[in-house]
Amino acid sequence: MNTTNVDQVLMQMRVLAAQAKGVQDVSNVEANGGADFSDMLVKSIGAVNESQKASGELKQRFEMGDESISMVDVAVASEKAKIAFTAMSEVRNKLVKAYQDVMNMPV
């Protein structure tokens, strides 16, 4: 297999991975050879923030007596926000650990 075929296969894999993650505009993925890490990080932090906001609003509406909101909805939204925040924290911890490992490497 030559280099051109390998590059084409890698590009197809990146586009499919981006589509699986819900990236609508795959032209950015194709142009950069992959999704920009900082953009992905900002978007994921924003998604966690939105999840926590939605959970808080749902809880507040339930506490105020909104009858269209059930306790199950509040519990599920709260758990989703908690899991998203925990996952984001774990990713942050792994990134910090990787940074520390690279910085501690002998030159």
PDB file of N, CA and C in Angstrom:
ATOM      1  N   MET A   1       0.858  -1.171   0.000  1.00  0.00           N
ATOM      2  CA  MET A   1       0.000   0.000   0.000  1.00  0.00           C
ATOM      3  C   MET A   1       0.899   1.227   0.000  1.00  0.00           C
ATOM      4  N   ASN A   2       0.641   2.142  -0.900  1.00  0.00           N
ATOM      5  CA  ASN A   2       1.487   3.336  -0.972  1.00  0.00           C
ATOM      6  C   ASN A   2       0.996   4.429  -0.025  1.00  0.00           C
ATOM      7  N   THR A   3       1.777   5.479   0.078  1.00  0.00           N
ATOM      8  CA  THR A   3       1.501   6.557   1.028  1.00  0.00           C
ATOM      9  C   THR A   3       0.188   7.271   0.719  1.00  0.00           C
ATOM     10  N   THR A   4      -0.115   7.433  -0.551  1.00  0.00           N
ATOM     11  CA  THR A   4      -1.345   8.121  -0.942  1.00  0.00           C
ATOM     12  C   THR A   4      -2.564   7.355  -0.460  1.00  0.00           C
ATOM     13  N   ASN A   5      -2.560   6.042  -0.620  1.00  0.00           N
ATOM     14  CA  ASN A   5      -3.681   5.230  -0.161  1.00  0.00           C
ATOM     15  C   ASN A   5      -3.824   5.285   1.351  1.00  0.00           C
ATOM     16  N   VAL A   6      -2.718   5.266   2.062  1.00  0.00           N
ATOM     17  CA  VAL A   6      -2.764   5.338   3.521  1.00  0.00           C
ATOM     18  C   VAL A   6      -3.348   6.672   3.964  1.00  0.00           C
ATOM     19  N   ASP A   7      -2.918   7.762   3.316  1.00  0.00           N
ATOM     20  CA  ASP A   7      -3.440   9.081   3.653  1.00  0.00           C
ATOM     21  C   ASP A   7      -4.939   9.179   3.390  1.00  0.00           C
ATOM     22  N   GLN A   8      -5.379   8.591   2.286  1.00  0.00           N
ATOM     23  CA  GLN A   8      -6.804   8.617   1.963  1.00  0.00           C
ATOM     24  C   GLN A   8      -7.614   7.829   2.982  1.00  0.00           C
ATOM     25  N   VAL A   9      -7.108   6.668   3.389  1.00  0.00           N
ATOM     26  CA  VAL A   9      -7.794   5.857   4.389  1.00  0.00           C
ATOM     27  C   VAL A   9      -7.845   6.602   5.723  1.00  0.00           C
ATOM     28  N   LEU A  10      -6.740   7.235   6.120  1.00  0.00           N
ATOM     29  CA  LEU A  10      -6.723   8.006   7.359  1.00  0.00           C
ATOM     30  C   LEU A  10      -7.720   9.157   7.315  1.00  0.00           C
ATOM     31  N   MET A  11      -7.800   9.836   6.182  1.00  0.00           N
ATOM     32  CA  MET A  11      -8.744  10.942   6.040  1.00  0.00           C
ATOM     33  C   MET A  11     -10.179  10.440   6.154  1.00  0.00           C
ATOM     34  N   GLN A  12     -10.477   9.313   5.529  1.00  0.00           N
ATOM     35  CA  GLN A  12     -11.818   8.750   5.632  1.00  0.00           C
ATOM     36  C   GLN A  12     -12.143   8.363   7.068  1.00  0.00           C
ATOM     37  N   MET A  13     -11.162   7.820   7.774  1.00  0.00           N
ATOM     38  CA  MET A  13     -11.377   7.447   9.165  1.00  0.00           C
ATOM     39  C   MET A  13     -11.643   8.683  10.024  1.00  0.00           C
ATOM     40  N   ARG A  14     -10.909   9.766   9.774  1.00  0.00           N
ATOM     41  CA  ARG A  14     -11.122  11.003  10.528  1.00  0.00           C
ATOM     42  C   ARG A  14     -12.508  11.580  10.275  1.00  0.00           C
ATOM     43  N   VAL A  15     -12.937  11.567   9.024  1.00  0.00           N
ATOM     44  CA  VAL A  15     -14.256  12.089   8.686  1.00  0.00           C
ATOM     45  C   VAL A  15     -15.341  11.240   9.342  1.00  0.00           C
ATOM     46  N   LEU A  16     -15.203   9.936   9.292  1.00  0.00           N
ATOM     47  CA  LEU A  16     -16.191   9.059   9.920  1.00  0.00           C
ATOM     48  C   LEU A  16     -16.209   9.245  11.437  1.00  0.00           C
ATOM     49  N   ALA A  17     -15.051   9.421  12.042  1.00  0.00           N
ATOM     50  CA  ALA A  17     -14.988   9.654  13.490  1.00  0.00           C
ATOM     51  C   ALA A  17     -15.658  10.978  13.849  1.00  0.00           C
ATOM     52  N   ALA A  18     -15.428  11.995  13.033  1.00  0.00           N
ATOM     53  CA  ALA A  18     -16.054  13.290  13.285  1.00  0.00           C
ATOM     54  C   ALA A  18     -17.565  13.194  13.147  1.00  0.00           C
ATOM     55  N   GLN A  19     -18.027  12.462  12.147  1.00  0.00           N
ATOM     56  CA  GLN A  19     -19.460  12.293  11.965  1.00  0.00           C
ATOM     57  C   GLN A  19     -20.064  11.518  13.119  1.00  0.00           C
ATOM     58  N   ALA A  20     -19.351  10.522  13.623  1.00  0.00           N
ATOM     59  CA  ALA A  20     -19.845   9.738  14.751  1.00  0.00           C
ATOM     60  C   ALA A  20     -19.942  10.585  16.012  1.00  0.00           C
ATOM     61  N   LYS A  21     -19.068  11.573  16.131  1.00  0.00           N
ATOM     62  CA  LYS A  21     -19.094  12.463  17.300  1.00  0.00           C
ATOM     63  C   LYS A  21     -20.108  13.582  17.140  1.00  0.00           C
ATOM     64  N   GLY A  22     -20.731  13.670  15.995  1.00  0.00           N
ATOM     65  CA  GLY A  22     -21.756  14.678  15.795  1.00  0.00           C
ATOM     66  C   GLY A  22     -21.263  15.957  15.160  1.00  0.00           C
ATOM     67  N   VAL A  23     -20.049  15.967  14.623  1.00  0.00           N
ATOM     68  CA  VAL A  23     -19.544  17.157  13.947  1.00  0.00           C
ATOM     69  C   VAL A  23     -20.255  17.262  12.608  1.00  0.00           C
ATOM     70  N   GLN A  24     -20.996  18.357  12.431  1.00  0.00           N
ATOM     71  CA  GLN A  24     -21.780  18.517  11.215  1.00  0.00           C
ATOM     72  C   GLN A  24     -20.923  18.980  10.038  1.00  0.00           C
ATOM     73  N   ASP A  25     -19.976  19.849  10.297  1.00  0.00           N
ATOM     74  CA  ASP A  25     -19.161  20.422   9.234  1.00  0.00           C
ATOM     75  C   ASP A  25     -17.853  19.648   9.134  1.00  0.00           C
ATOM     76  N   VAL A  26     -17.823  18.611   8.297  1.00  0.00           N
ATOM     77  CA  VAL A  26     -16.624  17.787   8.171  1.00  0.00           C
ATOM     78  C   VAL A  26     -15.589  18.426   7.253  1.00  0.00           C
ATOM     79  N   SER A  27     -15.913  19.553   6.629  1.00  0.00           N
ATOM     80  CA  SER A  27     -14.923  20.222   5.781  1.00  0.00           C
ATOM     81  C   SER A  27     -13.767  20.734   6.632  1.00  0.00           C
ATOM     82  N   ASN A  28     -14.043  21.144   7.883  1.00  0.00           N
ATOM     83  CA  ASN A  28     -12.983  21.582   8.797  1.00  0.00           C
ATOM     84  C   ASN A  28     -12.081  20.407   9.148  1.00  0.00           C
ATOM     85  N   VAL A  29     -12.667  19.238   9.325  1.00  0.00           N
ATOM     86  CA  VAL A  29     -11.888  18.041   9.634  1.00  0.00           C
ATOM     87  C   VAL A  29     -11.019  17.668   8.447  1.00  0.00           C
ATOM     88  N   GLU A  30     -11.590  17.745   7.272  1.00  0.00           N
ATOM     89  CA  GLU A  30     -10.835  17.382   6.074  1.00  0.00           C
ATOM     90  C   GLU A  30      -9.707  18.371   5.811  1.00  0.00           C
ATOM     91  N   ALA A  31      -9.952  19.654   6.017  1.00  0.00           N
ATOM     92  CA  ALA A  31      -8.947  20.669   5.731  1.00  0.00           C
ATOM     93  C   ALA A  31      -7.776  20.599   6.699  1.00  0.00           C
ATOM     94  N   ASN A  32      -8.064  20.338   7.963  1.00  0.00           N
ATOM     95  CA  ASN A  32      -7.011  20.325   8.970  1.00  0.00           C
ATOM     96  C   ASN A  32      -6.371  18.954   9.152  1.00  0.00           C
ATOM     97  N   GLY A  33      -6.911  17.952   8.514  1.00  0.00           N
ATOM     98  CA  GLY A  33      -6.376  16.615   8.709  1.00  0.00           C
ATOM     99  C   GLY A  33      -6.835  16.033  10.036  1.00  0.00           C
ATOM    100  N   GLY A  34      -7.768  16.646  10.672  1.00  0.00           N
ATOM    101  CA  GLY A  34      -8.302  16.206  11.948  1.00  0.00           C
ATOM    102  C   GLY A  34      -8.974  17.379  12.616  1.00  0.00           C
ATOM    103  N   ALA A  35      -9.790  17.076  13.593  1.00  0.00           N
ATOM    104  CA  ALA A  35     -10.473  18.145  14.299  1.00  0.00           C
ATOM    105  C   ALA A  35      -9.476  18.903  15.164  1.00  0.00           C
ATOM    106  N   ASP A  36      -9.628  20.203  15.263  1.00  0.00           N
ATOM    107  CA  ASP A  36      -8.751  21.018  16.066  1.00  0.00           C
ATOM    108  C   ASP A  36      -8.988  20.696  17.542  1.00  0.00           C
ATOM    109  N   PHE A  37      -7.939  20.361  18.258  1.00  0.00           N
ATOM    110  CA  PHE A  37      -8.061  19.913  19.638  1.00  0.00           C
ATOM    111  C   PHE A  37      -8.657  20.986  20.531  1.00  0.00           C
ATOM    112  N   SER A  38      -8.206  22.211  20.379  1.00  0.00           N
ATOM    113  CA  SER A  38      -8.715  23.275  21.243  1.00  0.00           C
ATOM    114  C   SER A  38     -10.201  23.520  20.999  1.00  0.00           C
ATOM    115  N   ASP A  39     -10.637  23.445  19.738  1.00  0.00           N
ATOM    116  CA  ASP A  39     -12.058  23.612  19.438  1.00  0.00           C
ATOM    117  C   ASP A  39     -12.877  22.489  20.069  1.00  0.00           C
ATOM    118  N   MET A  40     -12.371  21.274  19.965  1.00  0.00           N
ATOM    119  CA  MET A  40     -13.082  20.143  20.559  1.00  0.00           C
ATOM    120  C   MET A  40     -13.160  20.287  22.069  1.00  0.00           C
ATOM    121  N   LEU A  41     -12.086  20.754  22.683  1.00  0.00           N
ATOM    122  CA  LEU A  41     -12.056  20.927  24.129  1.00  0.00           C
ATOM    123  C   LEU A  41     -13.051  21.997  24.565  1.00  0.00           C
ATOM    124  N   VAL A  42     -13.064  23.121  23.857  1.00  0.00           N
ATOM    125  CA  VAL A  42     -13.991  24.199  24.191  1.00  0.00           C
ATOM    126  C   VAL A  42     -15.433  23.740  24.014  1.00  0.00           C
ATOM    127  N   LYS A  43     -15.711  23.024  22.932  1.00  0.00           N
ATOM    128  CA  LYS A  43     -17.068  22.538  22.692  1.00  0.00           C
ATOM    129  C   LYS A  43     -17.505  21.541  23.765  1.00  0.00           C
ATOM    130  N   SER A  44     -16.599  20.661  24.177  1.00  0.00           N
ATOM    131  CA  SER A  44     -16.971  19.678  25.192  1.00  0.00           C
ATOM    132  C   SER A  44     -17.200  20.339  26.547  1.00  0.00           C
ATOM    133  N   ILE A  45     -16.389  21.341  26.888  1.00  0.00           N
ATOM    134  CA  ILE A  45     -16.603  22.069  28.139  1.00  0.00           C
ATOM    135  C   ILE A  45     -17.931  22.823  28.075  1.00  0.00           C
ATOM    136  N   GLY A  46     -18.226  23.401  26.934  1.00  0.00           N
ATOM    137  CA  GLY A  46     -19.508  24.080  26.743  1.00  0.00           C
ATOM    138  C   GLY A  46     -20.686  23.130  26.874  1.00  0.00           C
ATOM    139  N   ALA A  47     -20.531  21.915  26.349  1.00  0.00           N
ATOM    140  CA  ALA A  47     -21.607  20.928  26.453  1.00  0.00           C
ATOM    141  C   ALA A  47     -21.831  20.516  27.907  1.00  0.00           C
ATOM    142  N   VAL A  48     -20.755  20.354  28.662  1.00  0.00           N
ATOM    143  CA  VAL A  48     -20.889  20.017  30.081  1.00  0.00           C
ATOM    144  C   VAL A  48     -21.570  21.166  30.819  1.00  0.00           C
ATOM    145  N   ASN A  49     -21.176  22.381  30.506  1.00  0.00           N
ATOM    146  CA  ASN A  49     -21.793  23.557  31.132  1.00  0.00           C
ATOM    147  C   ASN A  49     -23.282  23.617  30.824  1.00  0.00           C
ATOM    148  N   GLU A  50     -23.639  23.404  29.569  1.00  0.00           N
ATOM    149  CA  GLU A  50     -25.054  23.426  29.184  1.00  0.00           C
ATOM    150  C   GLU A  50     -25.830  22.328  29.897  1.00  0.00           C
ATOM    151  N   SER A  51     -25.223  21.159  30.042  1.00  0.00           N
ATOM    152  CA  SER A  51     -25.871  20.054  30.745  1.00  0.00           C
ATOM    153  C   SER A  51     -26.141  20.420  32.201  1.00  0.00           C
ATOM    154  N   GLN A  52     -25.170  21.069  32.836  1.00  0.00           N
ATOM    155  CA  GLN A  52     -25.358  21.477  34.225  1.00  0.00           C
ATOM    156  C   GLN A  52     -26.406  22.583  34.347  1.00  0.00           C
ATOM    157  N   LYS A  53     -26.408  23.517  33.411  1.00  0.00           N
ATOM    158  CA  LYS A  53     -27.422  24.574  33.424  1.00  0.00           C
ATOM    159  C   LYS A  53     -28.821  23.991  33.255  1.00  0.00           C
ATOM    160  N   ALA A  54     -28.953  23.083  32.291  1.00  0.00           N
ATOM    161  CA  ALA A  54     -30.258  22.463  32.042  1.00  0.00           C
ATOM    162  C   ALA A  54     -30.731  21.689  33.267  1.00  0.00           C
ATOM    163  N   SER A  55     -29.824  20.990  33.902  1.00  0.00           N
ATOM    164  CA  SER A  55     -30.172  20.247  35.113  1.00  0.00           C
ATOM    165  C   SER A  55     -30.627  21.193  36.214  1.00  0.00           C
ATOM    166  N   GLY A  56     -29.910  22.295  36.396  1.00  0.00           N
ATOM    167  CA  GLY A  56     -30.275  23.271  37.421  1.00  0.00           C
ATOM    168  C   GLY A  56     -31.626  23.906  37.152  1.00  0.00           C
ATOM    169  N   GLU A  57     -31.875  24.246  35.892  1.00  0.00           N
ATOM    170  CA  GLU A  57     -33.163  24.849  35.530  1.00  0.00           C
ATOM    171  C   GLU A  57     -34.306  23.868  35.742  1.00  0.00           C
ATOM    172  N   LEU A  58     -34.074  22.606  35.385  1.00  0.00           N
ATOM    173  CA  LEU A  58     -35.096  21.586  35.569  1.00  0.00           C
ATOM    174  C   LEU A  58     -35.401  21.400  37.050  1.00  0.00           C
ATOM    175  N   LYS A  59     -34.352  21.379  37.863  1.00  0.00           N
ATOM    176  CA  LYS A  59     -34.527  21.227  39.308  1.00  0.00           C
ATOM    177  C   LYS A  59     -35.286  22.419  39.879  1.00  0.00           C
ATOM    178  N   GLN A  60     -34.944  23.614  39.421  1.00  0.00           N
ATOM    179  CA  GLN A  60     -35.619  24.805  39.912  1.00  0.00           C
ATOM    180  C   GLN A  60     -37.096  24.805  39.534  1.00  0.00           C
ATOM    181  N   ARG A  61     -37.378  24.422  38.294  1.00  0.00           N
ATOM    182  CA  ARG A  61     -38.780  24.357  37.856  1.00  0.00           C
ATOM    183  C   ARG A  61     -39.565  23.341  38.671  1.00  0.00           C
ATOM    184  N   PHE A  62     -38.933  22.204  38.976  1.00  0.00           N
ATOM    185  CA  PHE A  62     -39.595  21.183  39.786  1.00  0.00           C
ATOM    186  C   PHE A  62     -39.868  21.711  41.191  1.00  0.00           C
ATOM    187  N   GLU A  63     -38.880  22.404  41.766  1.00  0.00           N
ATOM    188  CA  GLU A  63     -39.040  22.956  43.112  1.00  0.00           C
ATOM    189  C   GLU A  63     -40.101  24.048  43.168  1.00  0.00           C
ATOM    190  N   MET A  64     -40.274  24.758  42.072  1.00  0.00           N
ATOM    191  CA  MET A  64     -41.280  25.824  42.009  1.00  0.00           C
ATOM    192  C   MET A  64     -42.687  25.277  41.765  1.00  0.00           C
ATOM    193  N   GLY A  65     -42.800  23.978  41.536  1.00  0.00           N
ATOM    194  CA  GLY A  65     -44.113  23.357  41.417  1.00  0.00           C
ATOM    195  C   GLY A  65     -44.591  23.120  40.002  1.00  0.00           C
ATOM    196  N   ASP A  66     -43.700  23.146  39.020  1.00  0.00           N
ATOM    197  CA  ASP A  66     -44.085  22.867  37.636  1.00  0.00           C
ATOM    198  C   ASP A  66     -44.511  21.404  37.541  1.00  0.00           C
ATOM    199  N   GLU A  67     -45.780  21.190  37.233  1.00  0.00           N
ATOM    200  CA  GLU A  67     -46.316  19.826  37.232  1.00  0.00           C
ATOM    201  C   GLU A  67     -45.929  19.031  35.986  1.00  0.00           C
ATOM    202  N   SER A  68     -45.349  19.692  34.997  1.00  0.00           N
ATOM    203  CA  SER A  68     -44.935  18.970  33.790  1.00  0.00           C
ATOM    204  C   SER A  68     -43.575  18.297  33.985  1.00  0.00           C
ATOM    205  N   ILE A  69     -42.914  18.603  35.112  1.00  0.00           N
ATOM    206  CA  ILE A  69     -41.601  18.038  35.409  1.00  0.00           C
ATOM    207  C   ILE A  69     -41.760  17.000  36.510  1.00  0.00           C
ATOM    208  N   SER A  70     -41.269  15.793  36.246  1.00  0.00           N
ATOM    209  CA  SER A  70     -41.330  14.753  37.269  1.00  0.00           C
ATOM    210  C   SER A  70     -39.992  14.634  37.985  1.00  0.00           C
ATOM    211  N   MET A  71     -40.029  13.991  39.136  1.00  0.00           N
ATOM    212  CA  MET A  71     -38.806  13.782  39.909  1.00  0.00           C
ATOM    213  C   MET A  71     -37.812  12.926  39.127  1.00  0.00           C
ATOM    214  N   VAL A  72     -38.331  12.015  38.327  1.00  0.00           N
ATOM    215  CA  VAL A  72     -37.470  11.153  37.513  1.00  0.00           C
ATOM    216  C   VAL A  72     -36.691  11.988  36.498  1.00  0.00           C
ATOM    217  N   ASP A  73     -37.361  12.955  35.862  1.00  0.00           N
ATOM    218  CA  ASP A  73     -36.688  13.832  34.903  1.00  0.00           C
ATOM    219  C   ASP A  73     -35.557  14.610  35.574  1.00  0.00           C
ATOM    220  N   VAL A  74     -35.833  15.093  36.784  1.00  0.00           N
ATOM    221  CA  VAL A  74     -34.827  15.863  37.518  1.00  0.00           C
ATOM    222  C   VAL A  74     -33.647  14.968  37.878  1.00  0.00           C
ATOM    223  N   ALA A  75     -33.931  13.763  38.349  1.00  0.00           N
ATOM    224  CA  ALA A  75     -32.863  12.839  38.742  1.00  0.00           C
ATOM    225  C   ALA A  75     -32.013  12.426  37.546  1.00  0.00           C
ATOM    226  N   VAL A  76     -32.645  12.155  36.422  1.00  0.00           N
ATOM    227  CA  VAL A  76     -31.906  11.746  35.224  1.00  0.00           C
ATOM    228  C   VAL A  76     -31.031  12.890  34.716  1.00  0.00           C
ATOM    229  N   ALA A  77     -31.579  14.094  34.666  1.00  0.00           N
ATOM    230  CA  ALA A  77     -30.799  15.246  34.205  1.00  0.00           C
ATOM    231  C   ALA A  77     -29.634  15.522  35.151  1.00  0.00           C
ATOM    232  N   SER A  78     -29.874  15.378  36.427  1.00  0.00           N
ATOM    233  CA  SER A  78     -28.813  15.597  37.414  1.00  0.00           C
ATOM    234  C   SER A  78     -27.694  14.570  37.262  1.00  0.00           C
ATOM    235  N   GLU A  79     -28.057  13.314  37.063  1.00  0.00           N
ATOM    236  CA  GLU A  79     -27.044  12.262  36.886  1.00  0.00           C
ATOM    237  C   GLU A  79     -26.261  12.459  35.586  1.00  0.00           C
ATOM    238  N   LYS A  80     -26.948  12.865  34.524  1.00  0.00           N
ATOM    239  CA  LYS A  80     -26.256  13.131  33.256  1.00  0.00           C
ATOM    240  C   LYS A  80     -25.225  14.239  33.433  1.00  0.00           C
ATOM    241  N   ALA A  81     -25.614  15.302  34.132  1.00  0.00           N
ATOM    242  CA  ALA A  81     -24.697  16.415  34.364  1.00  0.00           C
ATOM    243  C   ALA A  81     -23.519  15.970  35.231  1.00  0.00           C
ATOM    244  N   LYS A  82     -23.809  15.157  36.226  1.00  0.00           N
ATOM    245  CA  LYS A  82     -22.756  14.666  37.123  1.00  0.00           C
ATOM    246  C   LYS A  82     -21.768  13.787  36.363  1.00  0.00           C
ATOM    247  N   ILE A  83     -22.267  12.890  35.533  1.00  0.00           N
ATOM    248  CA  ILE A  83     -21.406  11.989  34.761  1.00  0.00           C
ATOM    249  C   ILE A  83     -20.570  12.786  33.755  1.00  0.00           C
ATOM    250  N   ALA A  84     -21.188  13.766  33.106  1.00  0.00           N
ATOM    251  CA  ALA A  84     -20.449  14.593  32.139  1.00  0.00           C
ATOM    252  C   ALA A  84     -19.327  15.366  32.834  1.00  0.00           C
ATOM    253  N   PHE A  85     -19.625  15.909  34.012  1.00  0.00           N
ATOM    254  CA  PHE A  85     -18.601  16.658  34.741  1.00  0.00           C
ATOM    255  C   PHE A  85     -17.477  15.740  35.214  1.00  0.00           C
ATOM    256  N   THR A  86     -17.830  14.557  35.683  1.00  0.00           N
ATOM    257  CA  THR A  86     -16.820  13.596  36.131  1.00  0.00           C
ATOM    258  C   THR A  86     -15.933  13.168  34.969  1.00  0.00           C
ATOM    259  N   ALA A  87     -16.526  12.926  33.820  1.00  0.00           N
ATOM    260  CA  ALA A  87     -15.743  12.535  32.644  1.00  0.00           C
ATOM    261  C   ALA A  87     -14.810  13.661  32.223  1.00  0.00           C
ATOM    262  N   MET A  88     -15.313  14.907  32.246  1.00  0.00           N
ATOM    263  CA  MET A  88     -14.479  16.049  31.886  1.00  0.00           C
ATOM    264  C   MET A  88     -13.318  16.183  32.879  1.00  0.00           C
ATOM    265  N   SER A  89     -13.589  15.973  34.146  1.00  0.00           N
ATOM    266  CA  SER A  89     -12.529  16.054  35.161  1.00  0.00           C
ATOM    267  C   SER A  89     -11.474  14.979  34.939  1.00  0.00           C
ATOM    268  N   GLU A  90     -11.898  13.784  34.570  1.00  0.00           N
ATOM    269  CA  GLU A  90     -10.946  12.699  34.305  1.00  0.00           C
ATOM    270  C   GLU A  90     -10.079  13.011  33.094  1.00  0.00           C
ATOM    271  N   VAL A  91     -10.684  13.581  32.070  1.00  0.00           N
ATOM    272  CA  VAL A  91      -9.908  13.963  30.885  1.00  0.00           C
ATOM    273  C   VAL A  91      -8.886  15.026  31.265  1.00  0.00           C
ATOM    274  N   ARG A  92      -9.312  16.007  32.059  1.00  0.00           N
ATOM    275  CA  ARG A  92      -8.387  17.041  32.516  1.00  0.00           C
ATOM    276  C   ARG A  92      -7.239  16.432  33.302  1.00  0.00           C
ATOM    277  N   ASN A  93      -7.548  15.500  34.188  1.00  0.00           N
ATOM    278  CA  ASN A  93      -6.506  14.853  34.984  1.00  0.00           C
ATOM    279  C   ASN A  93      -5.516  14.097  34.098  1.00  0.00           C
ATOM    280  N   LYS A  94      -6.024  13.430  33.076  1.00  0.00           N
ATOM    281  CA  LYS A  94      -5.146  12.696  32.153  1.00  0.00           C
ATOM    282  C   LYS A  94      -4.269  13.658  31.357  1.00  0.00           C
ATOM    283  N   LEU A  95      -4.835  14.776  30.938  1.00  0.00           N
ATOM    284  CA  LEU A  95      -4.048  15.763  30.203  1.00  0.00           C
ATOM    285  C   LEU A  95      -2.951  16.361  31.077  1.00  0.00           C
ATOM    286  N   VAL A  96      -3.277  16.668  32.326  1.00  0.00           N
ATOM    287  CA  VAL A  96      -2.270  17.209  33.245  1.00  0.00           C
ATOM    288  C   VAL A  96      -1.177  16.186  33.486  1.00  0.00           C
ATOM    289  N   LYS A  97      -1.556  14.937  33.667  1.00  0.00           N
ATOM    290  CA  LYS A  97      -0.574  13.867  33.895  1.00  0.00           C
ATOM    291  C   LYS A  97       0.332  13.707  32.672  1.00  0.00           C
ATOM    292  N   ALA A  98      -0.251  13.738  31.476  1.00  0.00           N
ATOM    293  CA  ALA A  98       0.547  13.616  30.254  1.00  0.00           C
ATOM    294  C   ALA A  98       1.504  14.795  30.123  1.00  0.00           C
ATOM    295  N   TYR A  99       1.031  15.994  30.427  1.00  0.00           N
ATOM    296  CA  TYR A  99       1.888  17.180  30.376  1.00  0.00           C
ATOM    297  C   TYR A  99       3.050  17.042  31.358  1.00  0.00           C
ATOM    298  N   GLN A 100       2.751  16.590  32.571  1.00  0.00           N
ATOM    299  CA  GLN A 100       3.802  16.415  33.566  1.00  0.00           C
ATOM    300  C   GLN A 100       4.814  15.360  33.140  1.00  0.00           C
ATOM    301  N   ASP A 101       4.322  14.284  32.537  1.00  0.00           N
ATOM    302  CA  ASP A 101       5.237  13.241  32.054  1.00  0.00           C
ATOM    303  C   ASP A 101       6.168  13.774  30.969  1.00  0.00           C
ATOM    304  N   VAL A 102       5.612  14.571  30.061  1.00  0.00           N
ATOM    305  CA  VAL A 102       6.437  15.128  28.990  1.00  0.00           C
ATOM    306  C   VAL A 102       7.443  16.117  29.566  1.00  0.00           C
ATOM    307  N   MET A 103       7.032  16.933  30.503  1.00  0.00           N
ATOM    308  CA  MET A 103       7.939  17.912  31.090  1.00  0.00           C
ATOM    309  C   MET A 103       9.036  17.261  31.937  1.00  0.00           C
ATOM    310  N   ASN A 104       8.779  16.085  32.462  1.00  0.00           N
ATOM    311  CA  ASN A 104       9.771  15.404  33.297  1.00  0.00           C
ATOM    312  C   ASN A 104      10.701  14.490  32.492  1.00  0.00           C
ATOM    313  N   MET A 105      10.490  14.423  31.187  1.00  0.00           N
ATOM    314  CA  MET A 105      11.359  13.596  30.358  1.00  0.00           C
ATOM    315  C   MET A 105      12.752  14.210  30.271  1.00  0.00           C
ATOM    316  N   PRO A 106      13.776  13.370  30.356  1.00  0.00           N
ATOM    317  CA  PRO A 106      15.122  13.925  30.207  1.00  0.00           C
ATOM    318  C   PRO A 106      15.369  14.349  28.758  1.00  0.00           C
ATOM    319  N   VAL A 107      16.129  15.397  28.614  1.00  0.00           N
ATOM    320  CA  VAL A 107      16.403  15.929  27.281  1.00  0.00           C
ATOM    321  C   VAL A 107      17.654  15.341  26.698  1.00  0.00           C
TER     322      VAL A 107
END
